[in-house]
Amino acid sequence: YDTFMDETPYEDWCDLIAMLLKQHFPGMDEIPEDENLRQ
């Protein structure tokens, strides 16, 4: 599978997902007091 998918733009997808998370769920990086909730 990985051989035939070697031109797949995984890095671009990763950056896109990180951007969308920051844009639409900005509180994701905030740290709740409860450790379990933070995880």
Full PDB file with SEQRES, HELIX, SHEET, SSBOND, CRYST1, ORIGX, SCALE, CONECT and MASTER records, all heavy atoms in Angstrom:
SEQRES   1 A   39  TYR ASP THR PHE MET ASP GLU THR PRO TYR GLU ASP TRP          
SEQRES   2 A   39  CYS ASP LEU ILE ALA MET LEU LEU LYS GLN HIS PHE PRO          
SEQRES   3 A   39  GLY MET ASP GLU ILE PRO GLU ASP GLU ASN LEU ARG GLN          
HELIX    1 AA1 TYR A   10  HIS A   24  1                                  15    
HELIX    2 AA2 PRO A   26  ASP A   29  5                                   4    
HELIX    3 AA3 GLU A   35  ARG A   38  1                                   4    
CRYST1    1.000    1.000    1.000  90.00  90.00  90.00 P 1           1          
ORIGX1      1.000000  0.000000  0.000000        0.00000                         
ORIGX2      0.000000  1.000000  0.000000        0.00000                         
ORIGX3      0.000000  0.000000  1.000000        0.00000                         
SCALE1      1.000000  0.000000  0.000000        0.00000                         
SCALE2      0.000000  1.000000  0.000000        0.00000                         
SCALE3      0.000000  0.000000  1.000000        0.00000                         
ATOM      1  N   TYR A   1       0.825  -1.210   0.000  1.00  0.00           N  
ATOM      2  CA  TYR A   1       0.000   0.000   0.000  1.00  0.00           C  
ATOM      3  C   TYR A   1       0.860   1.262   0.000  1.00  0.00           C  
ATOM      4  O   TYR A   1       0.665   2.168  -0.810  1.00  0.00           O  
ATOM      5  CB  TYR A   1      -0.922  -0.004   1.215  1.00  0.00           C  
ATOM      6  CG  TYR A   1      -1.826   1.205   1.310  1.00  0.00           C  
ATOM      7  CD1 TYR A   1      -3.008   1.270   0.581  1.00  0.00           C  
ATOM      8  CD2 TYR A   1      -1.500   2.285   2.133  1.00  0.00           C  
ATOM      9  CE1 TYR A   1      -3.845   2.369   0.670  1.00  0.00           C  
ATOM     10  CE2 TYR A   1      -2.322   3.383   2.216  1.00  0.00           C  
ATOM     11  CZ  TYR A   1      -3.495   3.422   1.487  1.00  0.00           C  
ATOM     12  OH  TYR A   1      -4.312   4.522   1.577  1.00  0.00           O  
ATOM     13  N   ASP A   2       1.832   1.318   0.889  1.00  0.00           N  
ATOM     14  CA  ASP A   2       2.671   2.511   0.978  1.00  0.00           C  
ATOM     15  C   ASP A   2       3.512   2.713  -0.276  1.00  0.00           C  
ATOM     16  O   ASP A   2       3.826   3.847  -0.637  1.00  0.00           O  
ATOM     17  CB  ASP A   2       3.574   2.442   2.211  1.00  0.00           C  
ATOM     18  CG  ASP A   2       2.814   2.713   3.503  1.00  0.00           C  
ATOM     19  OD1 ASP A   2       1.720   3.299   3.434  1.00  0.00           O  
ATOM     20  OD2 ASP A   2       3.311   2.328   4.579  1.00  0.00           O  
ATOM     21  N   THR A   3       3.872   1.637  -0.931  1.00  0.00           N  
ATOM     22  CA  THR A   3       4.643   1.759  -2.171  1.00  0.00           C  
ATOM     23  C   THR A   3       3.840   2.499  -3.232  1.00  0.00           C  
ATOM     24  O   THR A   3       4.343   3.432  -3.875  1.00  0.00           O  
ATOM     25  CB  THR A   3       5.024   0.366  -2.705  1.00  0.00           C  
ATOM     26  OG1 THR A   3       5.855  -0.286  -1.742  1.00  0.00           O  
ATOM     27  CG2 THR A   3       5.777   0.474  -4.023  1.00  0.00           C  
ATOM     28  N   PHE A   4       2.602   2.097  -3.409  1.00  0.00           N  
ATOM     29  CA  PHE A   4       1.779   2.716  -4.449  1.00  0.00           C  
ATOM     30  C   PHE A   4       1.205   4.065  -4.021  1.00  0.00           C  
ATOM     31  O   PHE A   4       0.700   4.811  -4.856  1.00  0.00           O  
ATOM     32  CB  PHE A   4       0.653   1.770  -4.865  1.00  0.00           C  
ATOM     33  CG  PHE A   4       1.130   0.570  -5.622  1.00  0.00           C  
ATOM     34  CD1 PHE A   4       0.933  -0.708  -5.135  1.00  0.00           C  
ATOM     35  CD2 PHE A   4       1.800   0.714  -6.833  1.00  0.00           C  
ATOM     36  CE1 PHE A   4       1.382  -1.820  -5.835  1.00  0.00           C  
ATOM     37  CE2 PHE A   4       2.256  -0.392  -7.537  1.00  0.00           C  
ATOM     38  CZ  PHE A   4       2.046  -1.666  -7.042  1.00  0.00           C  
ATOM     39  N   MET A   5       1.297   4.390  -2.728  1.00  0.00           N  
ATOM     40  CA  MET A   5       0.797   5.680  -2.227  1.00  0.00           C  
ATOM     41  C   MET A   5       1.932   6.652  -1.948  1.00  0.00           C  
ATOM     42  O   MET A   5       1.757   7.624  -1.212  1.00  0.00           O  
ATOM     43  CB  MET A   5      -0.020   5.449  -0.955  1.00  0.00           C  
ATOM     44  CG  MET A   5      -1.289   4.630  -1.162  1.00  0.00           C  
ATOM     45  SD  MET A   5      -2.565   5.519  -2.085  1.00  0.00           S  
ATOM     46  CE  MET A   5      -3.159   6.623  -0.805  1.00  0.00           C  
ATOM     47  N   ASP A   6       3.096   6.413  -2.537  1.00  0.00           N  
ATOM     48  CA  ASP A   6       4.273   7.210  -2.182  1.00  0.00           C  
ATOM     49  C   ASP A   6       4.197   8.656  -2.671  1.00  0.00           C  
ATOM     50  O   ASP A   6       4.992   9.496  -2.244  1.00  0.00           O  
ATOM     51  CB  ASP A   6       5.560   6.539  -2.687  1.00  0.00           C  
ATOM     52  CG  ASP A   6       5.561   6.319  -4.197  1.00  0.00           C  
ATOM     53  OD1 ASP A   6       4.542   6.598  -4.857  1.00  0.00           O  
ATOM     54  OD2 ASP A   6       6.583   5.843  -4.720  1.00  0.00           O  
ATOM     55  N   GLU A   7       3.270   8.971  -3.560  1.00  0.00           N  
ATOM     56  CA  GLU A   7       3.113  10.355  -4.013  1.00  0.00           C  
ATOM     57  C   GLU A   7       1.916  11.048  -3.353  1.00  0.00           C  
ATOM     58  O   GLU A   7       1.564  12.161  -3.721  1.00  0.00           O  
ATOM     59  CB  GLU A   7       2.973  10.397  -5.538  1.00  0.00           C  
ATOM     60  CG  GLU A   7       4.229   9.921  -6.277  1.00  0.00           C  
ATOM     61  CD  GLU A   7       4.111  10.048  -7.773  1.00  0.00           C  
ATOM     62  OE1 GLU A   7       3.050  10.529  -8.254  1.00  0.00           O  
ATOM     63  OE2 GLU A   7       5.060   9.669  -8.489  1.00  0.00           O  
ATOM     64  N   THR A   8       1.313  10.391  -2.400  1.00  0.00           N  
ATOM     65  CA  THR A   8       0.170  10.978  -1.690  1.00  0.00           C  
ATOM     66  C   THR A   8       0.651  12.132  -0.813  1.00  0.00           C  
ATOM     67  O   THR A   8       1.622  11.982  -0.070  1.00  0.00           O  
ATOM     68  CB  THR A   8      -0.515   9.909  -0.817  1.00  0.00           C  
ATOM     69  OG1 THR A   8      -0.885   8.806  -1.653  1.00  0.00           O  
ATOM     70  CG2 THR A   8      -1.748  10.473  -0.132  1.00  0.00           C  
ATOM     71  N   PRO A   9      -0.014  13.287  -0.871  1.00  0.00           N  
ATOM     72  CA  PRO A   9       0.456  14.476  -0.135  1.00  0.00           C  
ATOM     73  C   PRO A   9       0.085  14.468   1.346  1.00  0.00           C  
ATOM     74  O   PRO A   9      -0.639  15.341   1.839  1.00  0.00           O  
ATOM     75  CB  PRO A   9      -0.233  15.622  -0.883  1.00  0.00           C  
ATOM     76  CG  PRO A   9      -1.515  15.035  -1.363  1.00  0.00           C  
ATOM     77  CD  PRO A   9      -1.187  13.605  -1.719  1.00  0.00           C  
ATOM     78  N   TYR A  10       0.585  13.484   2.074  1.00  0.00           N  
ATOM     79  CA  TYR A  10       0.235  13.373   3.486  1.00  0.00           C  
ATOM     80  C   TYR A  10       0.635  14.611   4.281  1.00  0.00           C  
ATOM     81  O   TYR A  10      -0.088  15.048   5.186  1.00  0.00           O  
ATOM     82  CB  TYR A  10       0.902  12.141   4.100  1.00  0.00           C  
ATOM     83  CG  TYR A  10       0.321  10.821   3.653  1.00  0.00           C  
ATOM     84  CD1 TYR A  10       1.059   9.955   2.839  1.00  0.00           C  
ATOM     85  CD2 TYR A  10      -0.955  10.430   4.041  1.00  0.00           C  
ATOM     86  CE1 TYR A  10       0.541   8.728   2.433  1.00  0.00           C  
ATOM     87  CE2 TYR A  10      -1.478   9.205   3.643  1.00  0.00           C  
ATOM     88  CZ  TYR A  10      -0.726   8.358   2.836  1.00  0.00           C  
ATOM     89  OH  TYR A  10      -1.248   7.152   2.425  1.00  0.00           O  
ATOM     90  N   GLU A  11       1.810  15.175   3.969  1.00  0.00           N  
ATOM     91  CA  GLU A  11       2.262  16.361   4.709  1.00  0.00           C  
ATOM     92  C   GLU A  11       1.298  17.533   4.509  1.00  0.00           C  
ATOM     93  O   GLU A  11       0.985  18.263   5.457  1.00  0.00           O  
ATOM     94  CB  GLU A  11       3.671  16.767   4.274  1.00  0.00           C  
ATOM     95  CG  GLU A  11       4.771  15.801   4.694  1.00  0.00           C  
ATOM     96  CD  GLU A  11       4.895  14.603   3.761  1.00  0.00           C  
ATOM     97  OE1 GLU A  11       4.156  14.547   2.748  1.00  0.00           O  
ATOM     98  OE2 GLU A  11       5.736  13.728   4.046  1.00  0.00           O  
ATOM     99  N   ASP A  12       0.816  17.700   3.270  1.00  0.00           N  
ATOM    100  CA  ASP A  12      -0.156  18.762   2.997  1.00  0.00           C  
ATOM    101  C   ASP A  12      -1.452  18.521   3.753  1.00  0.00           C  
ATOM    102  O   ASP A  12      -2.063  19.453   4.284  1.00  0.00           O  
ATOM    103  CB  ASP A  12      -0.444  18.855   1.494  1.00  0.00           C  
ATOM    104  CG  ASP A  12       0.739  19.380   0.704  1.00  0.00           C  
ATOM    105  OD1 ASP A  12       1.663  19.958   1.315  1.00  0.00           O  
ATOM    106  OD2 ASP A  12       0.747  19.214  -0.534  1.00  0.00           O  
ATOM    107  N   TRP A  13      -1.896  17.270   3.796  1.00  0.00           N  
ATOM    108  CA  TRP A  13      -3.119  16.944   4.522  1.00  0.00           C  
ATOM    109  C   TRP A  13      -2.943  17.245   6.007  1.00  0.00           C  
ATOM    110  O   TRP A  13      -3.850  17.766   6.651  1.00  0.00           O  
ATOM    111  CB  TRP A  13      -3.464  15.464   4.345  1.00  0.00           C  
ATOM    112  CG  TRP A  13      -3.877  15.088   2.957  1.00  0.00           C  
ATOM    113  CD1 TRP A  13      -4.099  15.928   1.896  1.00  0.00           C  
ATOM    114  CD2 TRP A  13      -4.123  13.764   2.467  1.00  0.00           C  
ATOM    115  NE1 TRP A  13      -4.455  15.212   0.780  1.00  0.00           N  
ATOM    116  CE2 TRP A  13      -4.483  13.896   1.090  1.00  0.00           C  
ATOM    117  CE3 TRP A  13      -4.068  12.501   3.034  1.00  0.00           C  
ATOM    118  CZ2 TRP A  13      -4.798  12.778   0.311  1.00  0.00           C  
ATOM    119  CZ3 TRP A  13      -4.374  11.392   2.244  1.00  0.00           C  
ATOM    120  CH2 TRP A  13      -4.737  11.531   0.910  1.00  0.00           C  
ATOM    121  N   CYS A  14      -1.779  16.910   6.523  1.00  0.00           N  
ATOM    122  CA  CYS A  14      -1.498  17.157   7.940  1.00  0.00           C  
ATOM    123  C   CYS A  14      -1.560  18.650   8.247  1.00  0.00           C  
ATOM    124  O   CYS A  14      -2.183  19.077   9.228  1.00  0.00           O  
ATOM    125  CB  CYS A  14      -0.131  16.586   8.296  1.00  0.00           C  
ATOM    126  SG  CYS A  14       0.375  16.852  10.003  1.00  0.00           S  
ATOM    127  N   ASP A  15      -0.916  19.455   7.405  1.00  0.00           N  
ATOM    128  CA  ASP A  15      -0.921  20.907   7.607  1.00  0.00           C  
ATOM    129  C   ASP A  15      -2.340  21.469   7.474  1.00  0.00           C  
ATOM    130  O   ASP A  15      -2.724  22.383   8.217  1.00  0.00           O  
ATOM    131  CB  ASP A  15       0.000  21.588   6.604  1.00  0.00           C  
ATOM    132  CG  ASP A  15       1.468  21.282   6.855  1.00  0.00           C  
ATOM    133  OD1 ASP A  15       1.802  20.864   7.983  1.00  0.00           O  
ATOM    134  OD2 ASP A  15       2.282  21.446   5.925  1.00  0.00           O  
ATOM    135  N   LEU A  16      -3.110  20.933   6.536  1.00  0.00           N  
ATOM    136  CA  LEU A  16      -4.484  21.399   6.348  1.00  0.00           C  
ATOM    137  C   LEU A  16      -5.327  21.104   7.582  1.00  0.00           C  
ATOM    138  O   LEU A  16      -6.076  21.970   8.064  1.00  0.00           O  
ATOM    139  CB  LEU A  16      -5.100  20.716   5.122  1.00  0.00           C  
ATOM    140  CG  LEU A  16      -6.599  20.961   4.889  1.00  0.00           C  
ATOM    141  CD1 LEU A  16      -6.870  22.426   4.615  1.00  0.00           C  
ATOM    142  CD2 LEU A  16      -7.113  20.093   3.754  1.00  0.00           C  
ATOM    143  N   ILE A  17      -5.211  19.903   8.106  1.00  0.00           N  
ATOM    144  CA  ILE A  17      -5.981  19.528   9.288  1.00  0.00           C  
ATOM    145  C   ILE A  17      -5.599  20.402  10.482  1.00  0.00           C  
ATOM    146  O   ILE A  17      -6.470  20.882  11.216  1.00  0.00           O  
ATOM    147  CB  ILE A  17      -5.771  18.036   9.606  1.00  0.00           C  
ATOM    148  CG1 ILE A  17      -6.473  17.183   8.536  1.00  0.00           C  
ATOM    149  CG2 ILE A  17      -6.286  17.684  10.992  1.00  0.00           C  
ATOM    150  CD1 ILE A  17      -6.078  15.727   8.567  1.00  0.00           C  
ATOM    151  N   ALA A  18      -4.301  20.628  10.668  1.00  0.00           N  
ATOM    152  CA  ALA A  18      -3.856  21.485  11.764  1.00  0.00           C  
ATOM    153  C   ALA A  18      -4.400  22.899  11.609  1.00  0.00           C  
ATOM    154  O   ALA A  18      -4.814  23.533  12.591  1.00  0.00           O  
ATOM    155  CB  ALA A  18      -2.330  21.501  11.824  1.00  0.00           C  
ATOM    156  N   MET A  19      -4.433  23.406  10.381  1.00  0.00           N  
ATOM    157  CA  MET A  19      -4.963  24.744  10.127  1.00  0.00           C  
ATOM    158  C   MET A  19      -6.460  24.804  10.423  1.00  0.00           C  
ATOM    159  O   MET A  19      -6.949  25.758  11.047  1.00  0.00           O  
ATOM    160  CB  MET A  19      -4.713  25.142   8.678  1.00  0.00           C  
ATOM    161  CG  MET A  19      -5.226  26.537   8.311  1.00  0.00           C  
ATOM    162  SD  MET A  19      -5.242  26.825   6.521  1.00  0.00           S  
ATOM    163  CE  MET A  19      -6.645  25.788   6.031  1.00  0.00           C  
ATOM    164  N   LEU A  20      -7.202  23.780   9.997  1.00  0.00           N  
ATOM    165  CA  LEU A  20      -8.646  23.747  10.235  1.00  0.00           C  
ATOM    166  C   LEU A  20      -8.959  23.653  11.723  1.00  0.00           C  
ATOM    167  O   LEU A  20      -9.915  24.275  12.205  1.00  0.00           O  
ATOM    168  CB  LEU A  20      -9.273  22.578   9.480  1.00  0.00           C  
ATOM    169  CG  LEU A  20      -9.283  22.691   7.954  1.00  0.00           C  
ATOM    170  CD1 LEU A  20      -9.737  21.374   7.330  1.00  0.00           C  
ATOM    171  CD2 LEU A  20     -10.183  23.833   7.505  1.00  0.00           C  
ATOM    172  N   LEU A  21      -8.158  22.892  12.454  1.00  0.00           N  
ATOM    173  CA  LEU A  21      -8.353  22.789  13.892  1.00  0.00           C  
ATOM    174  C   LEU A  21      -8.124  24.139  14.575  1.00  0.00           C  
ATOM    175  O   LEU A  21      -8.887  24.552  15.438  1.00  0.00           O  
ATOM    176  CB  LEU A  21      -7.416  21.736  14.479  1.00  0.00           C  
ATOM    177  CG  LEU A  21      -7.735  20.283  14.125  1.00  0.00           C  
ATOM    178  CD1 LEU A  21      -6.620  19.367  14.610  1.00  0.00           C  
ATOM    179  CD2 LEU A  21      -9.065  19.860  14.724  1.00  0.00           C  
ATOM    180  N   LYS A  22      -7.076  24.813  14.174  1.00  0.00           N  
ATOM    181  CA  LYS A  22      -6.780  26.115  14.754  1.00  0.00           C  
ATOM    182  C   LYS A  22      -7.855  27.138  14.406  1.00  0.00           C  
ATOM    183  O   LYS A  22      -8.230  27.992  15.221  1.00  0.00           O  
ATOM    184  CB  LYS A  22      -5.410  26.603  14.272  1.00  0.00           C  
ATOM    185  CG  LYS A  22      -4.952  27.921  14.899  1.00  0.00           C  
ATOM    186  CD  LYS A  22      -3.536  28.254  14.502  1.00  0.00           C  
ATOM    187  CE  LYS A  22      -2.545  27.272  15.087  1.00  0.00           C  
ATOM    188  NZ  LYS A  22      -1.124  27.667  14.829  1.00  0.00           N  
ATOM    189  N   GLN A  23      -8.376  27.040  13.191  1.00  0.00           N  
ATOM    190  CA  GLN A  23      -9.375  27.996  12.718  1.00  0.00           C  
ATOM    191  C   GLN A  23     -10.754  27.774  13.341  1.00  0.00           C  
ATOM    192  O   GLN A  23     -11.429  28.734  13.734  1.00  0.00           O  
ATOM    193  CB  GLN A  23      -9.491  27.902  11.196  1.00  0.00           C  
ATOM    194  CG  GLN A  23     -10.512  28.850  10.571  1.00  0.00           C  
ATOM    195  CD  GLN A  23     -10.569  28.722   9.060  1.00  0.00           C  
ATOM    196  OE1 GLN A  23      -9.783  27.977   8.461  1.00  0.00           O  
ATOM    197  NE2 GLN A  23     -11.487  29.430   8.449  1.00  0.00           N  
ATOM    198  N   HIS A  24     -11.159  26.510  13.453  1.00  0.00           N  
ATOM    199  CA  HIS A  24     -12.529  26.222  13.870  1.00  0.00           C  
ATOM    200  C   HIS A  24     -12.653  25.663  15.290  1.00  0.00           C  
ATOM    201  O   HIS A  24     -13.759  25.559  15.816  1.00  0.00           O  
ATOM    202  CB  HIS A  24     -13.165  25.233  12.892  1.00  0.00           C  
ATOM    203  CG  HIS A  24     -13.304  25.766  11.500  1.00  0.00           C  
ATOM    204  ND1 HIS A  24     -14.193  26.771  11.173  1.00  0.00           N  
ATOM    205  CD2 HIS A  24     -12.652  25.439  10.354  1.00  0.00           C  
ATOM    206  CE1 HIS A  24     -14.106  27.032   9.871  1.00  0.00           C  
ATOM    207  NE2 HIS A  24     -13.175  26.242   9.365  1.00  0.00           N  
ATOM    208  N   PHE A  25     -11.550  25.281  15.913  1.00  0.00           N  
ATOM    209  CA  PHE A  25     -11.570  24.801  17.296  1.00  0.00           C  
ATOM    210  C   PHE A  25     -10.368  25.378  18.029  1.00  0.00           C  
ATOM    211  O   PHE A  25      -9.482  24.658  18.486  1.00  0.00           O  
ATOM    212  CB  PHE A  25     -11.542  23.272  17.328  1.00  0.00           C  
ATOM    213  CG  PHE A  25     -11.820  22.671  18.680  1.00  0.00           C  
ATOM    214  CD1 PHE A  25     -12.583  23.325  19.635  1.00  0.00           C  
ATOM    215  CD2 PHE A  25     -11.321  21.412  18.993  1.00  0.00           C  
ATOM    216  CE1 PHE A  25     -12.836  22.755  20.873  1.00  0.00           C  
ATOM    217  CE2 PHE A  25     -11.560  20.822  20.220  1.00  0.00           C  
ATOM    218  CZ  PHE A  25     -12.327  21.494  21.162  1.00  0.00           C  
ATOM    219  N   PRO A  26     -10.328  26.719  18.142  1.00  0.00           N  
ATOM    220  CA  PRO A  26      -9.145  27.372  18.709  1.00  0.00           C  
ATOM    221  C   PRO A  26      -8.863  26.991  20.153  1.00  0.00           C  
ATOM    222  O   PRO A  26      -7.742  27.121  20.633  1.00  0.00           O  
ATOM    223  CB  PRO A  26      -9.481  28.867  18.584  1.00  0.00           C  
ATOM    224  CG  PRO A  26     -10.973  28.924  18.490  1.00  0.00           C  
ATOM    225  CD  PRO A  26     -11.370  27.683  17.755  1.00  0.00           C  
ATOM    226  N   GLY A  27      -9.873  26.487  20.857  1.00  0.00           N  
ATOM    227  CA  GLY A  27      -9.654  26.114  22.252  1.00  0.00           C  
ATOM    228  C   GLY A  27      -9.004  24.767  22.434  1.00  0.00           C  
ATOM    229  O   GLY A  27      -8.803  24.323  23.567  1.00  0.00           O  
ATOM    230  N   MET A  28      -8.660  24.097  21.336  1.00  0.00           N  
ATOM    231  CA  MET A  28      -8.100  22.754  21.453  1.00  0.00           C  
ATOM    232  C   MET A  28      -6.772  22.759  22.206  1.00  0.00           C  
ATOM    233  O   MET A  28      -6.423  21.793  22.882  1.00  0.00           O  
ATOM    234  CB  MET A  28      -7.909  22.148  20.062  1.00  0.00           C  
ATOM    235  CG  MET A  28      -7.550  20.673  20.080  1.00  0.00           C  
ATOM    236  SD  MET A  28      -7.607  19.938  18.423  1.00  0.00           S  
ATOM    237  CE  MET A  28      -7.397  18.199  18.830  1.00  0.00           C  
ATOM    238  N   ASP A  29      -6.018  23.850  22.080  1.00  0.00           N  
ATOM    239  CA  ASP A  29      -4.711  23.919  22.740  1.00  0.00           C  
ATOM    240  C   ASP A  29      -4.786  24.493  24.148  1.00  0.00           C  
ATOM    241  O   ASP A  29      -3.782  24.551  24.854  1.00  0.00           O  
ATOM    242  CB  ASP A  29      -3.742  24.763  21.900  1.00  0.00           C  
ATOM    243  CG  ASP A  29      -3.443  24.108  20.563  1.00  0.00           C  
ATOM    244  OD1 ASP A  29      -3.469  22.871  20.512  1.00  0.00           O  
ATOM    245  OD2 ASP A  29      -3.210  24.830  19.587  1.00  0.00           O  
ATOM    246  N   GLU A  30      -5.983  24.946  24.550  1.00  0.00           N  
ATOM    247  CA  GLU A  30      -6.131  25.450  25.905  1.00  0.00           C  
ATOM    248  C   GLU A  30      -6.040  24.284  26.881  1.00  0.00           C  
ATOM    249  O   GLU A  30      -6.414  23.156  26.564  1.00  0.00           O  
ATOM    250  CB  GLU A  30      -7.467  26.175  26.061  1.00  0.00           C  
ATOM    251  CG  GLU A  30      -7.564  27.447  25.219  1.00  0.00           C  
ATOM    252  CD  GLU A  30      -8.921  28.109  25.333  1.00  0.00           C  
ATOM    253  OE1 GLU A  30      -9.768  27.592  26.094  1.00  0.00           O  
ATOM    254  OE2 GLU A  30      -9.134  29.131  24.657  1.00  0.00           O  
ATOM    255  N   ILE A  31      -5.584  24.558  28.072  1.00  0.00           N  
ATOM    256  CA  ILE A  31      -5.316  23.491  29.034  1.00  0.00           C  
ATOM    257  C   ILE A  31      -6.343  23.517  30.162  1.00  0.00           C  
ATOM    258  O   ILE A  31      -6.270  24.370  31.054  1.00  0.00           O  
ATOM    259  CB  ILE A  31      -3.898  23.623  29.624  1.00  0.00           C  
ATOM    260  CG1 ILE A  31      -2.861  23.639  28.494  1.00  0.00           C  
ATOM    261  CG2 ILE A  31      -3.609  22.486  30.600  1.00  0.00           C  
ATOM    262  CD1 ILE A  31      -1.442  23.847  28.965  1.00  0.00           C  
ATOM    263  N   PRO A  32      -7.318  22.587  30.148  1.00  0.00           N  
ATOM    264  CA  PRO A  32      -8.246  22.490  31.273  1.00  0.00           C  
ATOM    265  C   PRO A  32      -7.493  22.075  32.537  1.00  0.00           C  
ATOM    266  O   PRO A  32      -6.434  21.455  32.481  1.00  0.00           O  
ATOM    267  CB  PRO A  32      -9.229  21.396  30.824  1.00  0.00           C  
ATOM    268  CG  PRO A  32      -9.046  21.289  29.341  1.00  0.00           C  
ATOM    269  CD  PRO A  32      -7.617  21.630  29.090  1.00  0.00           C  
ATOM    270  N   GLU A  33      -8.051  22.426  33.680  1.00  0.00           N  
ATOM    271  CA  GLU A  33      -7.394  22.065  34.942  1.00  0.00           C  
ATOM    272  C   GLU A  33      -7.351  20.553  35.127  1.00  0.00           C  
ATOM    273  O   GLU A  33      -6.385  20.016  35.654  1.00  0.00           O  
ATOM    274  CB  GLU A  33      -8.142  22.718  36.116  1.00  0.00           C  
ATOM    275  CG  GLU A  33      -8.033  24.239  36.135  1.00  0.00           C  
ATOM    276  CD  GLU A  33      -8.721  24.834  37.335  1.00  0.00           C  
ATOM    277  OE1 GLU A  33      -9.199  24.059  38.200  1.00  0.00           O  
ATOM    278  OE2 GLU A  33      -8.780  26.074  37.424  1.00  0.00           O  
ATOM    279  N   ASP A  34      -8.389  19.880  34.701  1.00  0.00           N  
ATOM    280  CA  ASP A  34      -8.452  18.432  34.835  1.00  0.00           C  
ATOM    281  C   ASP A  34      -7.525  17.782  33.804  1.00  0.00           C  
ATOM    282  O   ASP A  34      -7.648  18.012  32.606  1.00  0.00           O  
ATOM    283  CB  ASP A  34      -9.894  17.955  34.624  1.00  0.00           C  
ATOM    284  CG  ASP A  34     -10.062  16.469  34.910  1.00  0.00           C  
ATOM    285  OD1 ASP A  34      -9.587  15.662  34.092  1.00  0.00           O  
ATOM    286  OD2 ASP A  34     -10.665  16.131  35.940  1.00  0.00           O  
ATOM    287  N   GLU A  35      -6.593  16.958  34.274  1.00  0.00           N  
ATOM    288  CA  GLU A  35      -5.618  16.316  33.391  1.00  0.00           C  
ATOM    289  C   GLU A  35      -6.292  15.424  32.360  1.00  0.00           C  
ATOM    290  O   GLU A  35      -5.892  15.394  31.192  1.00  0.00           O  
ATOM    291  CB  GLU A  35      -4.624  15.496  34.219  1.00  0.00           C  
ATOM    292  CG  GLU A  35      -3.656  14.637  33.400  1.00  0.00           C  
ATOM    293  CD  GLU A  35      -2.703  15.466  32.553  1.00  0.00           C  
ATOM    294  OE1 GLU A  35      -2.498  16.655  32.865  1.00  0.00           O  
ATOM    295  OE2 GLU A  35      -2.172  14.913  31.573  1.00  0.00           O  
ATOM    296  N   ASN A  36      -7.326  14.685  32.782  1.00  0.00           N  
ATOM    297  CA  ASN A  36      -8.012  13.799  31.846  1.00  0.00           C  
ATOM    298  C   ASN A  36      -8.690  14.592  30.736  1.00  0.00           C  
ATOM    299  O   ASN A  36      -8.645  14.203  29.564  1.00  0.00           O  
ATOM    300  CB  ASN A  36      -9.048  12.949  32.584  1.00  0.00           C  
ATOM    301  CG  ASN A  36      -8.401  11.913  33.489  1.00  0.00           C  
ATOM    302  OD1 ASN A  36      -7.306  11.436  33.207  1.00  0.00           O  
ATOM    303  ND2 ASN A  36      -9.074  11.576  34.574  1.00  0.00           N  
ATOM    304  N   LEU A  37      -9.306  15.716  31.089  1.00  0.00           N  
ATOM    305  CA  LEU A  37      -9.952  16.553  30.081  1.00  0.00           C  
ATOM    306  C   LEU A  37      -8.915  17.146  29.134  1.00  0.00           C  
ATOM    307  O   LEU A  37      -9.164  17.288  27.935  1.00  0.00           O  
ATOM    308  CB  LEU A  37     -10.757  17.673  30.747  1.00  0.00           C  
ATOM    309  CG  LEU A  37     -12.021  17.249  31.496  1.00  0.00           C  
ATOM    310  CD1 LEU A  37     -12.717  18.471  32.092  1.00  0.00           C  
ATOM    311  CD2 LEU A  37     -12.977  16.504  30.571  1.00  0.00           C  
ATOM    312  N   ARG A  38      -7.753  17.491  29.653  1.00  0.00           N  
ATOM    313  CA  ARG A  38      -6.701  18.033  28.803  1.00  0.00           C  
ATOM    314  C   ARG A  38      -6.270  17.003  27.765  1.00  0.00           C  
ATOM    315  O   ARG A  38      -6.091  17.323  26.592  1.00  0.00           O  
ATOM    316  CB  ARG A  38      -5.499  18.459  29.657  1.00  0.00           C  
ATOM    317  CG  ARG A  38      -4.348  19.018  28.821  1.00  0.00           C  
ATOM    318  CD  ARG A  38      -3.253  19.573  29.708  1.00  0.00           C  
ATOM    319  NE  ARG A  38      -2.635  18.546  30.525  1.00  0.00           N  
ATOM    320  CZ  ARG A  38      -1.698  18.777  31.433  1.00  0.00           C  
ATOM    321  NH1 ARG A  38      -1.281  20.000  31.661  1.00  0.00           N  
ATOM    322  NH2 ARG A  38      -1.174  17.782  32.123  1.00  0.00           N  
ATOM    323  N   GLN A  39      -6.119  15.749  28.214  1.00  0.00           N  
ATOM    324  CA  GLN A  39      -5.739  14.697  27.289  1.00  0.00           C  
ATOM    325  C   GLN A  39      -6.804  14.481  26.221  1.00  0.00           C  
ATOM    326  O   GLN A  39      -6.504  14.330  25.035  1.00  0.00           O  
ATOM    327  CB  GLN A  39      -5.508  13.385  28.056  1.00  0.00           C  
ATOM    328  CG  GLN A  39      -4.266  13.380  28.928  1.00  0.00           C  
ATOM    329  CD  GLN A  39      -2.985  13.427  28.111  1.00  0.00           C  
ATOM    330  OE1 GLN A  39      -2.888  12.821  27.054  1.00  0.00           O  
ATOM    331  NE2 GLN A  39      -1.993  14.151  28.593  1.00  0.00           N  
TER     332      GLN A  39                                                      
MASTER        0    0    0    3    0    0    0    6  331    1    0    3          
END                                                                             
